[in-house]
Amino acid sequence: MREFAYNEILIKSDLAEKILADQYQIHGKARPLPGESDFNFKINVKGTDSYILKISRPDTVFEELEFQQNLLEHLANNKEIIIVPKVIKDKSGGLISEFKDQFNRKRFIRLLSWIPGRIYSKVNPQLDSLRLSLGKTCGSLSKSLLGFDHPHAHRKFDWDIAQSLWTKQYVHLFGDEKALIVNFFQDLFIGTKAKYDRLRKSVVHNDGNDNNIIVSSNLK
């Protein structure tokens, strides 16, 4: 059985299944999935749709997860046609559940609907029609997020390109030619940042990479 480890704490499939039954009253089989932050499990329930169960690290900030859940609910209620995971509420009607691990540390739990299909990076060939569909979907997603806001959207976030100037202190790690390229674009941004700061802005996805996109089986 595949396991995830974090500070000597093991999150096994049988624990994920117990959490699922306790918090959501759903009984299914859990299969571990890769993830950057959460412990993720695909949940297969015989005769019904599948789910994805997400168990947080002990040091996860609640507001960050609340931000994500509220964003998904906003998209679910939007008129744009976008297929995104749907939030499954726990037995008490909450968007986020919680439990204490064996070291009495709080963990947050979320359950989302599973979207079947293929990861974009695995689709071959990637025809122009697929790229066009991707562009339209990204545009619809950005349009759908207009008007959405959450306090945690306004935070220090290293992946936010608008906050990228922290990278200046690491330019010395690049060779001369690459350092020149990095400095060139950093200087361009510095020169326009005052104008940028005055622009209207909204929450954007900002990470539509090849492994974050699901392609339906009948789309080429």
N, C-alpha and C. Protein backbone atom coordinates (compact mmCIF):
# COMPACT_ATOMS: atom_id res chain seq x y z
N MET A 1 0.84 -1.19 0.00
CA MET A 1 0.00 0.00 0.00
C MET A 1 0.88 1.25 0.00
N ARG A 2 0.56 2.19 -0.89
CA ARG A 2 1.33 3.43 -0.95
C ARG A 2 0.96 4.31 0.22
N GLU A 3 1.94 5.00 0.80
CA GLU A 3 1.70 5.86 1.96
C GLU A 3 2.35 7.21 1.74
N PHE A 4 1.83 8.23 2.42
CA PHE A 4 2.46 9.54 2.48
C PHE A 4 3.03 9.72 3.88
N ALA A 5 4.16 10.39 4.00
CA ALA A 5 4.76 10.63 5.31
C ALA A 5 5.00 12.12 5.49
N TYR A 6 4.76 12.58 6.69
CA TYR A 6 5.04 13.99 7.02
C TYR A 6 5.42 14.04 8.49
N ASN A 7 6.69 14.39 8.72
CA ASN A 7 7.18 14.43 10.11
C ASN A 7 6.85 13.13 10.86
N GLU A 8 7.14 12.03 10.23
CA GLU A 8 6.95 10.69 10.81
C GLU A 8 5.47 10.32 10.97
N ILE A 9 4.57 11.11 10.43
CA ILE A 9 3.15 10.79 10.51
C ILE A 9 2.73 10.16 9.18
N LEU A 10 2.13 8.99 9.24
CA LEU A 10 1.69 8.30 8.05
C LEU A 10 0.19 8.47 7.86
N ILE A 11 -0.19 8.87 6.67
CA ILE A 11 -1.60 8.94 6.32
C ILE A 11 -1.87 7.78 5.36
N LYS A 12 -2.55 6.77 5.85
CA LYS A 12 -2.82 5.59 5.06
C LYS A 12 -4.24 5.61 4.51
N SER A 13 -4.45 4.76 3.53
CA SER A 13 -5.76 4.71 2.88
C SER A 13 -6.86 4.33 3.86
N ASP A 14 -6.57 3.43 4.80
CA ASP A 14 -7.62 3.02 5.74
C ASP A 14 -8.03 4.16 6.66
N LEU A 15 -7.07 5.05 7.01
CA LEU A 15 -7.42 6.21 7.83
C LEU A 15 -8.27 7.18 7.01
N ALA A 16 -7.92 7.37 5.74
CA ALA A 16 -8.71 8.23 4.87
C ALA A 16 -10.14 7.71 4.76
N GLU A 17 -10.29 6.42 4.64
CA GLU A 17 -11.63 5.82 4.55
C GLU A 17 -12.43 6.02 5.83
N LYS A 18 -11.76 5.93 6.98
CA LYS A 18 -12.44 6.15 8.26
C LYS A 18 -12.88 7.60 8.39
N ILE A 19 -11.99 8.53 8.03
CA ILE A 19 -12.34 9.95 8.08
C ILE A 19 -13.53 10.23 7.18
N LEU A 20 -13.53 9.64 5.99
CA LEU A 20 -14.63 9.82 5.04
C LEU A 20 -15.95 9.35 5.64
N ALA A 21 -15.93 8.18 6.27
CA ALA A 21 -17.15 7.65 6.87
C ALA A 21 -17.60 8.48 8.07
N ASP A 22 -16.63 8.89 8.90
CA ASP A 22 -16.97 9.65 10.11
C ASP A 22 -17.52 11.04 9.79
N GLN A 23 -16.87 11.73 8.85
CA GLN A 23 -17.19 13.13 8.61
C GLN A 23 -18.24 13.34 7.51
N TYR A 24 -18.32 12.39 6.57
CA TYR A 24 -19.23 12.58 5.42
C TYR A 24 -20.26 11.46 5.28
N GLN A 25 -20.14 10.45 6.13
CA GLN A 25 -21.05 9.31 6.07
C GLN A 25 -21.09 8.69 4.67
N ILE A 26 -19.92 8.65 4.07
CA ILE A 26 -19.74 8.01 2.76
C ILE A 26 -18.74 6.87 2.94
N HIS A 27 -19.07 5.73 2.39
CA HIS A 27 -18.18 4.57 2.51
C HIS A 27 -17.62 4.23 1.14
N GLY A 28 -16.30 4.29 1.02
CA GLY A 28 -15.66 4.01 -0.26
C GLY A 28 -14.23 3.58 -0.06
N LYS A 29 -13.58 3.25 -1.17
CA LYS A 29 -12.19 2.83 -1.16
C LYS A 29 -11.31 4.01 -1.53
N ALA A 30 -10.24 4.23 -0.75
CA ALA A 30 -9.36 5.38 -0.96
C ALA A 30 -8.07 4.94 -1.66
N ARG A 31 -7.70 5.70 -2.69
CA ARG A 31 -6.43 5.45 -3.38
C ARG A 31 -5.60 6.72 -3.34
N PRO A 32 -4.36 6.68 -2.82
CA PRO A 32 -3.54 7.89 -2.70
C PRO A 32 -3.24 8.52 -4.05
N LEU A 33 -3.20 9.84 -4.06
CA LEU A 33 -2.84 10.62 -5.24
C LEU A 33 -1.71 11.58 -4.86
N PRO A 34 -0.91 12.01 -5.83
CA PRO A 34 0.13 13.00 -5.52
C PRO A 34 -0.48 14.36 -5.22
N GLY A 35 0.25 15.19 -4.51
CA GLY A 35 -0.21 16.54 -4.20
C GLY A 35 0.91 17.37 -3.62
N GLU A 36 0.83 18.67 -3.86
CA GLU A 36 1.89 19.55 -3.37
C GLU A 36 1.73 19.87 -1.88
N SER A 37 0.51 20.13 -1.45
CA SER A 37 0.28 20.57 -0.07
C SER A 37 -0.51 19.54 0.74
N ASP A 38 -1.64 19.12 0.20
CA ASP A 38 -2.51 18.21 0.93
C ASP A 38 -2.14 16.75 0.69
N PHE A 39 -2.65 15.87 1.55
CA PHE A 39 -2.67 14.45 1.28
C PHE A 39 -3.96 14.18 0.51
N ASN A 40 -3.85 13.73 -0.71
CA ASN A 40 -5.01 13.56 -1.57
C ASN A 40 -5.33 12.08 -1.81
N PHE A 41 -6.62 11.78 -1.84
CA PHE A 41 -7.06 10.41 -2.10
C PHE A 41 -8.24 10.44 -3.06
N LYS A 42 -8.18 9.57 -4.06
CA LYS A 42 -9.37 9.37 -4.88
C LYS A 42 -10.26 8.37 -4.16
N ILE A 43 -11.53 8.71 -4.04
CA ILE A 43 -12.49 7.87 -3.34
C ILE A 43 -13.43 7.23 -4.37
N ASN A 44 -13.40 5.93 -4.43
CA ASN A 44 -14.31 5.19 -5.30
C ASN A 44 -15.43 4.59 -4.47
N VAL A 45 -16.65 4.93 -4.85
CA VAL A 45 -17.84 4.40 -4.18
C VAL A 45 -18.60 3.57 -5.19
N LYS A 46 -18.85 2.34 -4.89
CA LYS A 46 -19.48 1.41 -5.83
C LYS A 46 -20.85 1.92 -6.27
N GLY A 47 -21.00 2.03 -7.58
CA GLY A 47 -22.30 2.40 -8.14
C GLY A 47 -22.60 3.88 -8.16
N THR A 48 -21.66 4.74 -7.69
CA THR A 48 -21.91 6.19 -7.67
C THR A 48 -20.68 6.91 -8.21
N ASP A 49 -20.76 8.23 -8.20
CA ASP A 49 -19.63 9.04 -8.64
C ASP A 49 -18.45 8.92 -7.68
N SER A 50 -17.27 9.29 -8.18
CA SER A 50 -16.08 9.29 -7.35
C SER A 50 -15.87 10.66 -6.72
N TYR A 51 -14.96 10.70 -5.74
CA TYR A 51 -14.65 11.94 -5.03
C TYR A 51 -13.14 12.06 -4.88
N ILE A 52 -12.71 13.25 -4.45
CA ILE A 52 -11.33 13.44 -4.02
C ILE A 52 -11.34 13.98 -2.59
N LEU A 53 -10.68 13.25 -1.71
CA LEU A 53 -10.59 13.64 -0.31
C LEU A 53 -9.24 14.30 -0.08
N LYS A 54 -9.26 15.48 0.55
CA LYS A 54 -8.05 16.25 0.78
C LYS A 54 -7.85 16.44 2.28
N ILE A 55 -6.72 15.95 2.78
CA ILE A 55 -6.38 16.06 4.20
C ILE A 55 -5.18 16.99 4.33
N SER A 56 -5.31 18.03 5.13
CA SER A 56 -4.28 19.06 5.19
C SER A 56 -3.07 18.65 6.01
N ARG A 57 -1.99 19.38 5.82
CA ARG A 57 -0.83 19.28 6.69
C ARG A 57 -1.18 19.93 8.03
N PRO A 58 -0.49 19.58 9.10
CA PRO A 58 -0.84 20.15 10.42
C PRO A 58 -0.68 21.66 10.51
N ASP A 59 0.20 22.24 9.68
CA ASP A 59 0.46 23.68 9.79
C ASP A 59 -0.34 24.51 8.79
N THR A 60 -1.35 23.92 8.19
CA THR A 60 -2.14 24.63 7.19
C THR A 60 -2.99 25.72 7.82
N VAL A 61 -3.05 26.87 7.16
CA VAL A 61 -3.86 28.00 7.63
C VAL A 61 -5.30 27.79 7.17
N PHE A 62 -6.24 27.82 8.12
CA PHE A 62 -7.64 27.56 7.80
C PHE A 62 -8.16 28.52 6.73
N GLU A 63 -7.80 29.79 6.83
CA GLU A 63 -8.32 30.80 5.90
C GLU A 63 -7.92 30.49 4.45
N GLU A 64 -6.78 29.85 4.27
CA GLU A 64 -6.36 29.50 2.91
C GLU A 64 -7.31 28.47 2.29
N LEU A 65 -7.71 27.49 3.08
CA LEU A 65 -8.65 26.49 2.59
C LEU A 65 -10.05 27.07 2.42
N GLU A 66 -10.44 27.94 3.34
CA GLU A 66 -11.74 28.61 3.22
C GLU A 66 -11.81 29.42 1.93
N PHE A 67 -10.71 30.09 1.61
CA PHE A 67 -10.60 30.84 0.36
C PHE A 67 -10.86 29.93 -0.84
N GLN A 68 -10.22 28.77 -0.86
CA GLN A 68 -10.39 27.84 -1.97
C GLN A 68 -11.81 27.30 -2.07
N GLN A 69 -12.38 26.95 -0.92
CA GLN A 69 -13.74 26.42 -0.92
C GLN A 69 -14.75 27.46 -1.37
N ASN A 70 -14.61 28.68 -0.88
CA ASN A 70 -15.53 29.75 -1.27
C ASN A 70 -15.41 30.06 -2.76
N LEU A 71 -14.18 29.97 -3.26
CA LEU A 71 -13.96 30.22 -4.69
C LEU A 71 -14.67 29.16 -5.53
N LEU A 72 -14.56 27.90 -5.14
CA LEU A 72 -15.23 26.84 -5.88
C LEU A 72 -16.75 27.00 -5.83
N GLU A 73 -17.27 27.40 -4.69
CA GLU A 73 -18.72 27.63 -4.60
C GLU A 73 -19.14 28.80 -5.47
N HIS A 74 -18.31 29.83 -5.54
CA HIS A 74 -18.60 30.96 -6.40
C HIS A 74 -18.68 30.51 -7.86
N LEU A 75 -17.73 29.70 -8.28
CA LEU A 75 -17.72 29.22 -9.66
C LEU A 75 -18.93 28.33 -9.94
N ALA A 76 -19.32 27.53 -8.96
CA ALA A 76 -20.47 26.63 -9.14
C ALA A 76 -21.75 27.41 -9.36
N ASN A 77 -21.83 28.62 -8.80
CA ASN A 77 -23.03 29.44 -8.90
C ASN A 77 -22.97 30.46 -10.04
N ASN A 78 -21.88 30.42 -10.82
CA ASN A 78 -21.70 31.38 -11.90
C ASN A 78 -22.37 30.88 -13.17
N LYS A 79 -22.72 31.80 -14.03
CA LYS A 79 -23.43 31.43 -15.25
C LYS A 79 -22.50 30.90 -16.34
N GLU A 80 -21.21 31.16 -16.23
CA GLU A 80 -20.28 30.64 -17.22
C GLU A 80 -20.24 29.11 -17.14
N ILE A 81 -20.09 28.46 -18.29
CA ILE A 81 -20.05 27.00 -18.33
C ILE A 81 -18.61 26.55 -18.10
N ILE A 82 -18.30 26.23 -16.85
CA ILE A 82 -16.97 25.78 -16.48
C ILE A 82 -17.12 24.52 -15.62
N ILE A 83 -16.36 23.51 -15.96
CA ILE A 83 -16.40 22.28 -15.17
C ILE A 83 -15.30 22.35 -14.13
N VAL A 84 -15.68 22.47 -12.88
CA VAL A 84 -14.72 22.51 -11.77
C VAL A 84 -15.23 21.56 -10.68
N PRO A 85 -14.36 21.13 -9.79
CA PRO A 85 -14.83 20.26 -8.70
C PRO A 85 -15.90 20.95 -7.86
N LYS A 86 -16.89 20.21 -7.46
CA LYS A 86 -17.95 20.73 -6.59
C LYS A 86 -17.63 20.38 -5.13
N VAL A 87 -17.91 21.32 -4.26
CA VAL A 87 -17.68 21.13 -2.83
C VAL A 87 -18.75 20.21 -2.26
N ILE A 88 -18.31 19.15 -1.59
CA ILE A 88 -19.23 18.24 -0.90
C ILE A 88 -19.21 18.59 0.58
N LYS A 89 -20.35 18.95 1.13
CA LYS A 89 -20.41 19.36 2.53
C LYS A 89 -20.36 18.14 3.45
N ASP A 90 -19.84 18.36 4.66
CA ASP A 90 -19.76 17.27 5.63
C ASP A 90 -21.13 17.02 6.26
N LYS A 91 -21.20 16.08 7.20
CA LYS A 91 -22.49 15.68 7.78
C LYS A 91 -23.16 16.81 8.55
N SER A 92 -22.38 17.83 8.92
CA SER A 92 -22.95 18.98 9.64
C SER A 92 -23.24 20.15 8.72
N GLY A 93 -22.99 19.97 7.42
CA GLY A 93 -23.24 21.04 6.47
C GLY A 93 -22.08 21.98 6.28
N GLY A 94 -20.90 21.63 6.80
CA GLY A 94 -19.73 22.49 6.70
C GLY A 94 -18.94 22.27 5.43
N LEU A 95 -18.27 23.34 4.97
CA LEU A 95 -17.42 23.24 3.78
C LEU A 95 -16.08 22.59 4.11
N ILE A 96 -15.67 22.69 5.37
CA ILE A 96 -14.39 22.14 5.81
C ILE A 96 -14.62 21.41 7.12
N SER A 97 -14.13 20.19 7.19
CA SER A 97 -14.22 19.41 8.41
C SER A 97 -12.84 19.35 9.06
N GLU A 98 -12.73 18.72 10.22
CA GLU A 98 -11.44 18.62 10.88
C GLU A 98 -11.38 17.40 11.80
N PHE A 99 -10.14 16.98 12.08
CA PHE A 99 -9.94 15.91 13.05
C PHE A 99 -8.56 16.08 13.67
N LYS A 100 -8.30 15.40 14.76
CA LYS A 100 -7.01 15.44 15.44
C LYS A 100 -6.23 14.17 15.10
N ASP A 101 -4.97 14.33 14.68
CA ASP A 101 -4.17 13.16 14.36
C ASP A 101 -3.62 12.54 15.65
N GLN A 102 -2.76 11.52 15.51
CA GLN A 102 -2.29 10.79 16.70
C GLN A 102 -1.40 11.64 17.60
N PHE A 103 -0.96 12.80 17.11
CA PHE A 103 -0.18 13.72 17.94
C PHE A 103 -1.03 14.91 18.41
N ASN A 104 -2.36 14.74 18.30
CA ASN A 104 -3.32 15.75 18.75
C ASN A 104 -3.19 17.05 17.98
N ARG A 105 -2.74 16.95 16.72
CA ARG A 105 -2.63 18.14 15.88
C ARG A 105 -3.83 18.20 14.93
N LYS A 106 -4.37 19.40 14.80
CA LYS A 106 -5.58 19.58 14.00
C LYS A 106 -5.25 19.45 12.51
N ARG A 107 -6.10 18.69 11.82
CA ARG A 107 -6.03 18.56 10.37
C ARG A 107 -7.38 18.96 9.78
N PHE A 108 -7.33 19.63 8.65
CA PHE A 108 -8.56 20.03 7.97
C PHE A 108 -8.85 19.07 6.83
N ILE A 109 -10.11 18.83 6.59
CA ILE A 109 -10.54 17.86 5.59
C ILE A 109 -11.53 18.51 4.63
N ARG A 110 -11.35 18.20 3.37
CA ARG A 110 -12.29 18.67 2.35
C ARG A 110 -12.61 17.52 1.41
N LEU A 111 -13.83 17.52 0.92
CA LEU A 111 -14.26 16.51 -0.05
C LEU A 111 -14.82 17.22 -1.27
N LEU A 112 -14.31 16.84 -2.43
CA LEU A 112 -14.72 17.45 -3.69
C LEU A 112 -15.19 16.36 -4.65
N SER A 113 -15.99 16.76 -5.61
CA SER A 113 -16.39 15.81 -6.65
C SER A 113 -15.20 15.51 -7.55
N TRP A 114 -15.20 14.35 -8.13
CA TRP A 114 -14.12 13.92 -9.02
C TRP A 114 -14.48 14.23 -10.47
N ILE A 115 -13.55 14.83 -11.19
CA ILE A 115 -13.78 15.13 -12.60
C ILE A 115 -13.04 14.09 -13.45
N PRO A 116 -13.75 13.24 -14.15
CA PRO A 116 -13.08 12.22 -14.96
C PRO A 116 -12.47 12.81 -16.22
N GLY A 117 -11.47 12.14 -16.74
CA GLY A 117 -10.83 12.59 -17.97
C GLY A 117 -9.35 12.33 -17.96
N ARG A 118 -8.64 13.03 -18.86
CA ARG A 118 -7.20 12.85 -19.01
C ARG A 118 -6.48 14.14 -18.62
N ILE A 119 -5.32 14.02 -17.99
CA ILE A 119 -4.51 15.19 -17.71
C ILE A 119 -4.01 15.76 -19.04
N TYR A 120 -4.06 17.06 -19.18
CA TYR A 120 -3.69 17.73 -20.43
C TYR A 120 -2.30 17.31 -20.91
N SER A 121 -1.37 17.15 -19.98
CA SER A 121 0.01 16.80 -20.36
C SER A 121 0.10 15.42 -20.99
N LYS A 122 -0.91 14.56 -20.76
CA LYS A 122 -0.90 13.20 -21.30
C LYS A 122 -1.62 13.08 -22.64
N VAL A 123 -2.24 14.17 -23.09
CA VAL A 123 -2.98 14.14 -24.35
C VAL A 123 -2.01 14.31 -25.52
N ASN A 124 -2.04 13.39 -26.43
CA ASN A 124 -1.15 13.43 -27.59
C ASN A 124 -1.86 12.81 -28.79
N PRO A 125 -2.04 13.58 -29.87
CA PRO A 125 -1.52 14.93 -30.10
C PRO A 125 -2.43 16.00 -29.47
N GLN A 126 -1.87 17.17 -29.24
CA GLN A 126 -2.64 18.30 -28.74
C GLN A 126 -2.97 19.19 -29.95
N LEU A 127 -4.14 18.97 -30.51
CA LEU A 127 -4.54 19.65 -31.73
C LEU A 127 -4.95 21.09 -31.46
N ASP A 128 -5.02 21.86 -32.55
CA ASP A 128 -5.39 23.27 -32.42
C ASP A 128 -6.76 23.43 -31.78
N SER A 129 -7.67 22.52 -32.07
CA SER A 129 -9.01 22.61 -31.49
C SER A 129 -8.97 22.47 -29.97
N LEU A 130 -8.05 21.63 -29.48
CA LEU A 130 -7.90 21.48 -28.03
C LEU A 130 -7.33 22.75 -27.41
N ARG A 131 -6.33 23.32 -28.06
CA ARG A 131 -5.73 24.56 -27.55
C ARG A 131 -6.75 25.70 -27.55
N LEU A 132 -7.57 25.75 -28.59
CA LEU A 132 -8.61 26.78 -28.65
C LEU A 132 -9.60 26.60 -27.51
N SER A 133 -9.99 25.36 -27.26
CA SER A 133 -10.91 25.08 -26.15
C SER A 133 -10.30 25.48 -24.82
N LEU A 134 -9.01 25.21 -24.66
CA LEU A 134 -8.32 25.59 -23.42
C LEU A 134 -8.32 27.11 -23.24
N GLY A 135 -8.02 27.83 -24.31
CA GLY A 135 -8.01 29.29 -24.22
C GLY A 135 -9.37 29.86 -23.84
N LYS A 136 -10.43 29.32 -24.45
CA LYS A 136 -11.78 29.78 -24.13
C LYS A 136 -12.15 29.48 -22.67
N THR A 137 -11.73 28.29 -22.21
CA THR A 137 -12.05 27.91 -20.83
C THR A 137 -11.33 28.82 -19.84
N CYS A 138 -10.05 29.11 -20.11
CA CYS A 138 -9.30 30.01 -19.22
C CYS A 138 -9.93 31.40 -19.20
N GLY A 139 -10.38 31.86 -20.36
CA GLY A 139 -11.05 33.16 -20.41
C GLY A 139 -12.35 33.16 -19.63
N SER A 140 -13.12 32.09 -19.76
CA SER A 140 -14.38 31.98 -19.02
C SER A 140 -14.13 31.92 -17.51
N LEU A 141 -13.05 31.22 -17.12
CA LEU A 141 -12.71 31.13 -15.70
C LEU A 141 -12.37 32.51 -15.14
N SER A 142 -11.56 33.27 -15.87
CA SER A 142 -11.21 34.62 -15.42
C SER A 142 -12.45 35.50 -15.32
N LYS A 143 -13.34 35.39 -16.31
CA LYS A 143 -14.57 36.18 -16.30
C LYS A 143 -15.44 35.80 -15.11
N SER A 144 -15.48 34.51 -14.80
CA SER A 144 -16.31 34.03 -13.69
C SER A 144 -15.83 34.55 -12.34
N LEU A 145 -14.54 34.81 -12.25
CA LEU A 145 -13.98 35.25 -10.97
C LEU A 145 -14.15 36.74 -10.71
N LEU A 146 -14.63 37.48 -11.72
CA LEU A 146 -14.91 38.89 -11.50
C LEU A 146 -15.94 39.02 -10.38
N GLY A 147 -15.68 39.88 -9.44
CA GLY A 147 -16.60 40.09 -8.34
C GLY A 147 -16.36 39.19 -7.14
N PHE A 148 -15.49 38.19 -7.31
CA PHE A 148 -15.18 37.32 -6.17
C PHE A 148 -14.02 37.91 -5.37
N ASP A 149 -14.13 37.84 -4.05
CA ASP A 149 -13.03 38.31 -3.21
C ASP A 149 -13.06 37.55 -1.89
N HIS A 150 -11.92 37.53 -1.24
CA HIS A 150 -11.78 36.89 0.06
C HIS A 150 -10.56 37.52 0.73
N PRO A 151 -10.58 37.71 2.04
CA PRO A 151 -9.43 38.33 2.72
C PRO A 151 -8.10 37.63 2.43
N HIS A 152 -8.14 36.29 2.25
CA HIS A 152 -6.88 35.57 2.03
C HIS A 152 -6.34 35.75 0.62
N ALA A 153 -7.14 36.37 -0.25
CA ALA A 153 -6.63 36.68 -1.59
C ALA A 153 -5.62 37.81 -1.54
N HIS A 154 -5.60 38.54 -0.43
CA HIS A 154 -4.68 39.68 -0.28
C HIS A 154 -3.63 39.32 0.76
N ARG A 155 -2.65 38.59 0.32
CA ARG A 155 -1.62 38.11 1.23
C ARG A 155 -0.29 38.01 0.50
N LYS A 156 0.77 37.83 1.25
CA LYS A 156 2.06 37.60 0.64
C LYS A 156 2.06 36.20 0.04
N PHE A 157 2.37 36.12 -1.25
CA PHE A 157 2.29 34.85 -1.95
C PHE A 157 3.41 34.81 -2.98
N ASP A 158 4.37 33.95 -2.79
CA ASP A 158 5.57 33.93 -3.63
C ASP A 158 5.26 33.64 -5.09
N TRP A 159 4.18 32.93 -5.37
CA TRP A 159 3.85 32.59 -6.75
C TRP A 159 3.11 33.70 -7.49
N ASP A 160 2.77 34.76 -6.77
CA ASP A 160 2.09 35.90 -7.41
C ASP A 160 3.14 36.70 -8.18
N ILE A 161 3.01 36.74 -9.50
CA ILE A 161 3.99 37.43 -10.33
C ILE A 161 4.09 38.90 -9.95
N ALA A 162 2.99 39.48 -9.51
CA ALA A 162 3.01 40.89 -9.11
C ALA A 162 3.84 41.11 -7.85
N GLN A 163 4.16 40.03 -7.12
CA GLN A 163 5.00 40.13 -5.92
C GLN A 163 6.38 39.50 -6.16
N SER A 164 6.79 39.43 -7.40
CA SER A 164 7.98 38.65 -7.77
C SER A 164 9.30 39.32 -7.46
N LEU A 165 9.29 40.56 -7.01
CA LEU A 165 10.57 41.26 -6.82
C LEU A 165 11.39 40.69 -5.67
N TRP A 166 10.84 39.79 -4.88
CA TRP A 166 11.64 39.11 -3.86
C TRP A 166 12.75 38.28 -4.51
N THR A 167 12.56 37.97 -5.79
CA THR A 167 13.56 37.14 -6.47
C THR A 167 14.85 37.89 -6.77
N LYS A 168 14.83 39.22 -6.64
CA LYS A 168 16.05 40.00 -6.96
C LYS A 168 17.22 39.59 -6.07
N GLN A 169 16.95 39.19 -4.86
CA GLN A 169 18.04 38.83 -3.95
C GLN A 169 18.68 37.48 -4.30
N TYR A 170 18.09 36.79 -5.30
CA TYR A 170 18.63 35.49 -5.68
C TYR A 170 19.21 35.47 -7.10
N VAL A 171 19.29 36.64 -7.73
CA VAL A 171 19.79 36.69 -9.10
C VAL A 171 21.23 36.19 -9.19
N HIS A 172 21.98 36.35 -8.11
CA HIS A 172 23.38 35.92 -8.12
C HIS A 172 23.53 34.40 -8.30
N LEU A 173 22.46 33.67 -8.13
CA LEU A 173 22.52 32.23 -8.28
C LEU A 173 22.55 31.81 -9.76
N PHE A 174 22.26 32.75 -10.66
CA PHE A 174 22.25 32.45 -12.09
C PHE A 174 23.60 32.82 -12.71
N GLY A 175 23.89 32.18 -13.82
CA GLY A 175 25.07 32.56 -14.59
C GLY A 175 24.89 33.93 -15.19
N ASP A 176 25.96 34.51 -15.71
CA ASP A 176 25.93 35.90 -16.19
C ASP A 176 24.84 36.13 -17.23
N GLU A 177 24.75 35.25 -18.22
CA GLU A 177 23.78 35.47 -19.30
C GLU A 177 22.35 35.39 -18.79
N LYS A 178 22.05 34.39 -17.97
CA LYS A 178 20.71 34.25 -17.43
C LYS A 178 20.39 35.38 -16.45
N ALA A 179 21.39 35.81 -15.68
CA ALA A 179 21.18 36.92 -14.74
C ALA A 179 20.80 38.20 -15.48
N LEU A 180 21.42 38.42 -16.64
CA LEU A 180 21.09 39.60 -17.44
C LEU A 180 19.63 39.56 -17.89
N ILE A 181 19.17 38.38 -18.29
CA ILE A 181 17.78 38.24 -18.74
C ILE A 181 16.81 38.50 -17.59
N VAL A 182 17.11 37.90 -16.42
CA VAL A 182 16.25 38.08 -15.26
C VAL A 182 16.21 39.55 -14.85
N ASN A 183 17.36 40.19 -14.78
CA ASN A 183 17.43 41.61 -14.39
C ASN A 183 16.68 42.49 -15.39
N PHE A 184 16.76 42.14 -16.67
CA PHE A 184 16.09 42.93 -17.70
C PHE A 184 14.58 42.98 -17.45
N PHE A 185 13.99 41.81 -17.20
CA PHE A 185 12.54 41.77 -17.00
C PHE A 185 12.14 42.32 -15.63
N GLN A 186 12.97 42.13 -14.64
CA GLN A 186 12.68 42.73 -13.34
C GLN A 186 12.67 44.25 -13.44
N ASP A 187 13.64 44.80 -14.16
CA ASP A 187 13.71 46.25 -14.32
C ASP A 187 12.51 46.79 -15.10
N LEU A 188 12.05 46.03 -16.11
CA LEU A 188 10.86 46.43 -16.85
C LEU A 188 9.66 46.52 -15.91
N PHE A 189 9.53 45.52 -15.03
CA PHE A 189 8.40 45.51 -14.11
C PHE A 189 8.50 46.66 -13.11
N ILE A 190 9.69 46.90 -12.60
CA ILE A 190 9.89 48.01 -11.65
C ILE A 190 9.48 49.33 -12.30
N GLY A 191 9.80 49.47 -13.60
CA GLY A 191 9.49 50.72 -14.30
C GLY A 191 8.01 50.96 -14.50
N THR A 192 7.21 49.91 -14.46
CA THR A 192 5.77 50.06 -14.69
C THR A 192 4.93 49.73 -13.45
N LYS A 193 5.59 49.37 -12.35
CA LYS A 193 4.86 48.90 -11.17
C LYS A 193 3.92 49.96 -10.60
N ALA A 194 4.34 51.22 -10.62
CA ALA A 194 3.49 52.27 -10.07
C ALA A 194 2.15 52.34 -10.81
N LYS A 195 2.19 52.19 -12.14
CA LYS A 195 0.96 52.18 -12.93
C LYS A 195 0.18 50.90 -12.68
N TYR A 196 0.89 49.79 -12.59
CA TYR A 196 0.23 48.51 -12.34
C TYR A 196 -0.55 48.55 -11.02
N ASP A 197 0.04 49.12 -10.00
CA ASP A 197 -0.58 49.16 -8.69
C ASP A 197 -1.91 49.91 -8.69
N ARG A 198 -2.11 50.78 -9.69
CA ARG A 198 -3.35 51.57 -9.75
C ARG A 198 -4.43 50.88 -10.58
N LEU A 199 -4.10 49.79 -11.23
CA LEU A 199 -5.08 49.11 -12.07
C LEU A 199 -6.11 48.34 -11.24
N ARG A 200 -7.30 48.17 -11.81
CA ARG A 200 -8.29 47.29 -11.20
C ARG A 200 -7.79 45.85 -11.31
N LYS A 201 -8.12 45.06 -10.32
CA LYS A 201 -7.64 43.68 -10.32
C LYS A 201 -8.73 42.76 -9.77
N SER A 202 -8.61 41.50 -10.13
CA SER A 202 -9.50 40.49 -9.56
C SER A 202 -8.68 39.25 -9.28
N VAL A 203 -9.30 38.32 -8.58
CA VAL A 203 -8.65 37.03 -8.33
C VAL A 203 -8.53 36.29 -9.66
N VAL A 204 -7.37 35.71 -9.92
CA VAL A 204 -7.16 34.91 -11.12
C VAL A 204 -6.59 33.56 -10.70
N HIS A 205 -6.73 32.58 -11.59
CA HIS A 205 -6.23 31.23 -11.27
C HIS A 205 -4.71 31.21 -11.26
N ASN A 206 -4.08 31.68 -12.33
CA ASN A 206 -2.63 31.91 -12.39
C ASN A 206 -1.80 30.62 -12.44
N ASP A 207 -2.43 29.46 -12.58
CA ASP A 207 -1.63 28.23 -12.61
C ASP A 207 -2.29 27.18 -13.48
N GLY A 208 -2.70 27.60 -14.68
CA GLY A 208 -3.32 26.66 -15.59
C GLY A 208 -2.27 25.84 -16.32
N ASN A 209 -1.49 25.07 -15.58
CA ASN A 209 -0.42 24.29 -16.22
C ASN A 209 -0.95 22.94 -16.71
N ASP A 210 -0.10 22.24 -17.43
CA ASP A 210 -0.50 21.00 -18.11
C ASP A 210 -1.03 19.92 -17.16
N ASN A 211 -0.65 20.00 -15.89
CA ASN A 211 -1.08 18.98 -14.94
C ASN A 211 -2.22 19.45 -14.05
N ASN A 212 -2.78 20.62 -14.34
CA ASN A 212 -3.93 21.14 -13.59
C ASN A 212 -5.20 21.12 -14.43
N ILE A 213 -5.10 20.60 -15.65
CA ILE A 213 -6.22 20.69 -16.58
C ILE A 213 -6.67 19.27 -16.96
N ILE A 214 -7.97 19.03 -16.88
CA ILE A 214 -8.55 17.75 -17.25
C ILE A 214 -9.23 17.89 -18.60
N VAL A 215 -8.91 16.98 -19.50
CA VAL A 215 -9.50 16.97 -20.84
C VAL A 215 -10.49 15.80 -20.91
N SER A 216 -11.70 16.06 -21.36
CA SER A 216 -12.69 15.00 -21.46
C SER A 216 -12.24 13.95 -22.47
N SER A 217 -12.73 12.75 -22.32
CA SER A 217 -12.28 11.64 -23.16
C SER A 217 -12.65 11.80 -24.62
N ASN A 218 -13.72 12.57 -24.91
CA ASN A 218 -14.18 12.70 -26.30
C ASN A 218 -13.69 13.97 -26.96
N LEU A 219 -12.82 14.75 -26.29
CA LEU A 219 -12.31 15.99 -26.86
C LEU A 219 -10.89 15.77 -27.37
N LYS A 220 -10.63 16.25 -28.59
CA LYS A 220 -9.29 16.09 -29.18
C LYS A 220 -8.79 17.43 -29.69
